[in-house]
């Protein structure tokens, strides 16, 4: 990888919300190549980066990617479980039967014990 001297090389940017943009960049920080993920806001004079974000050493990037992938996998699993639970609710499968739905009234086979 080529050495980056005091420059910020933007890799990507995308909307964070209606007001902010997330940027991913490579830059040198105290002589070490780092990945900088930062929030920014668009102003009339261009993109202004905020203090909100993280800066990590390039060597830590694979671990961060693994953690983000685990988070995504967990969310997908939770989404699948939530969908399954909703389907059960719609079909009435999660409902415990009430006693009179499974046993005759009176409990001894008599429909009317009086």
Protein backbone atom coordinates (compact mmCIF):
# COMPACT_ATOMS: atom_id res chain seq x y z
CA UNK A 1 0.00 0.00 0.00
CA UNK A 2 1.34 3.42 -0.81
CA UNK A 3 2.21 5.77 2.00
CA UNK A 4 -0.21 8.60 2.69
CA UNK A 5 1.52 11.76 3.93
CA UNK A 6 -0.86 14.14 5.66
CA UNK A 7 -3.56 13.58 3.06
CA UNK A 8 -7.07 12.34 3.50
CA UNK A 9 -8.14 9.96 0.77
CA UNK A 10 -11.90 9.57 0.81
CA UNK A 11 -12.96 6.01 0.01
CA UNK A 12 -16.74 6.40 0.25
CA UNK A 13 -19.50 8.53 1.68
CA UNK A 14 -23.21 7.96 2.17
CA UNK A 15 -26.16 9.53 4.01
CA UNK A 16 -26.32 8.85 7.75
CA UNK A 17 -29.63 10.68 8.13
CA UNK A 18 -31.35 13.69 6.60
CA UNK A 19 -28.67 16.07 7.89
CA UNK A 20 -25.43 14.11 8.13
CA UNK A 21 -23.15 12.14 5.84
CA UNK A 22 -20.80 9.32 6.88
CA UNK A 23 -17.38 9.33 5.27
CA UNK A 24 -14.81 6.53 5.13
CA UNK A 25 -11.27 7.67 4.44
CA UNK A 26 -7.63 6.69 4.73
CA UNK A 27 -5.23 9.14 6.28
CA UNK A 28 -1.97 9.36 8.16
CA UNK A 29 -2.23 10.03 11.87
CA UNK A 30 1.01 10.55 13.81
CA UNK A 31 2.90 8.67 11.12
CA UNK A 32 0.54 5.69 11.05
CA UNK A 33 -1.97 4.83 8.32
CA UNK A 34 -5.50 4.82 9.76
CA UNK A 35 -9.08 4.37 8.62
CA UNK A 36 -11.24 7.32 9.60
CA UNK A 37 -15.03 6.90 9.72
CA UNK A 38 -16.52 10.30 10.42
CA UNK A 39 -19.82 12.11 10.36
CA UNK A 40 -20.02 15.29 8.34
CA UNK A 41 -22.51 17.96 7.39
CA UNK A 42 -22.92 19.67 4.05
CA UNK A 43 -22.46 23.43 4.17
CA UNK A 44 -22.51 25.95 1.37
CA UNK A 45 -18.70 25.85 1.33
CA UNK A 46 -18.54 22.03 1.20
CA UNK A 47 -18.47 19.06 3.53
CA UNK A 48 -17.53 19.82 7.13
CA UNK A 49 -16.42 16.84 9.19
CA UNK A 50 -17.53 16.70 12.80
CA UNK A 51 -15.83 15.20 15.86
CA UNK A 52 -18.30 12.31 15.75
CA UNK A 53 -16.66 9.17 14.41
CA UNK A 54 -13.86 6.69 14.93
CA UNK A 55 -10.29 6.38 13.77
CA UNK A 56 -8.65 2.96 13.82
CA UNK A 57 -5.33 1.56 12.70
CA UNK A 58 -5.42 -0.26 9.38
CA UNK A 59 -4.29 -3.42 11.20
CA UNK A 60 -7.57 -3.34 13.18
CA UNK A 61 -9.76 -3.07 10.08
CA UNK A 62 -10.28 -6.85 9.57
CA UNK A 63 -11.46 -7.20 13.19
CA UNK A 64 -13.87 -4.28 12.78
CA UNK A 65 -15.25 -5.81 9.58
CA UNK A 66 -15.75 -9.15 11.39
CA UNK A 67 -17.60 -7.41 14.23
CA UNK A 68 -19.82 -5.49 11.81
CA UNK A 69 -20.56 -8.71 9.90
CA UNK A 70 -21.53 -10.43 13.17
CA UNK A 71 -23.82 -7.50 13.98
CA UNK A 72 -25.43 -7.80 10.55
CA UNK A 73 -25.83 -11.57 10.91
CA UNK A 74 -27.38 -11.10 14.35
CA UNK A 75 -29.83 -8.53 13.00
CA UNK A 76 -30.79 -10.83 10.15
CA UNK A 77 -31.36 -13.64 12.65
CA UNK A 78 -33.46 -11.39 14.86
CA UNK A 79 -35.43 -10.23 11.83
CA UNK A 80 -36.08 -13.85 10.81
CA UNK A 81 -37.16 -14.73 14.37
CA UNK A 82 -39.45 -11.69 14.56
CA UNK A 83 -40.99 -12.61 11.20
CA UNK A 84 -41.54 -16.17 12.43
CA UNK A 85 -43.18 -14.91 15.64
CA UNK A 86 -45.44 -12.56 13.68
CA UNK A 87 -46.48 -15.41 11.40
CA UNK A 88 -47.32 -17.53 14.45
CA UNK A 89 -49.44 -14.70 15.86
CA UNK A 90 -51.30 -14.32 12.59
CA UNK A 91 -51.94 -18.08 12.45
CA UNK A 92 -52.78 -18.33 16.16
CA UNK A 93 -50.05 -20.93 16.74
CA UNK A 94 -48.56 -19.21 19.76
CA UNK A 95 -51.82 -19.15 21.67
CA UNK A 96 -52.21 -21.65 24.50
CA UNK A 97 -55.59 -23.37 24.26
CA UNK A 98 -58.08 -22.42 26.92
CA UNK A 99 -59.23 -25.28 29.20
CA UNK A 100 -62.72 -25.50 27.66
CA UNK A 101 -61.16 -25.75 24.19
CA UNK A 102 -59.41 -29.03 25.08
CA UNK A 103 -61.55 -30.55 27.86
CA UNK A 104 -65.30 -31.07 28.11
CA UNK A 105 -67.08 -28.79 30.54
CA UNK A 106 -67.08 -30.40 33.97
CA UNK A 107 -63.82 -32.23 33.29
CA UNK A 108 -65.34 -35.72 33.66
CA UNK A 109 -66.93 -36.07 30.27
CA UNK A 110 -70.23 -34.47 31.18
CA UNK A 111 -71.16 -31.51 29.03
CA UNK A 112 -73.38 -29.98 31.72
CA UNK A 113 -72.55 -30.99 35.29
CA UNK A 114 -75.74 -29.51 36.85
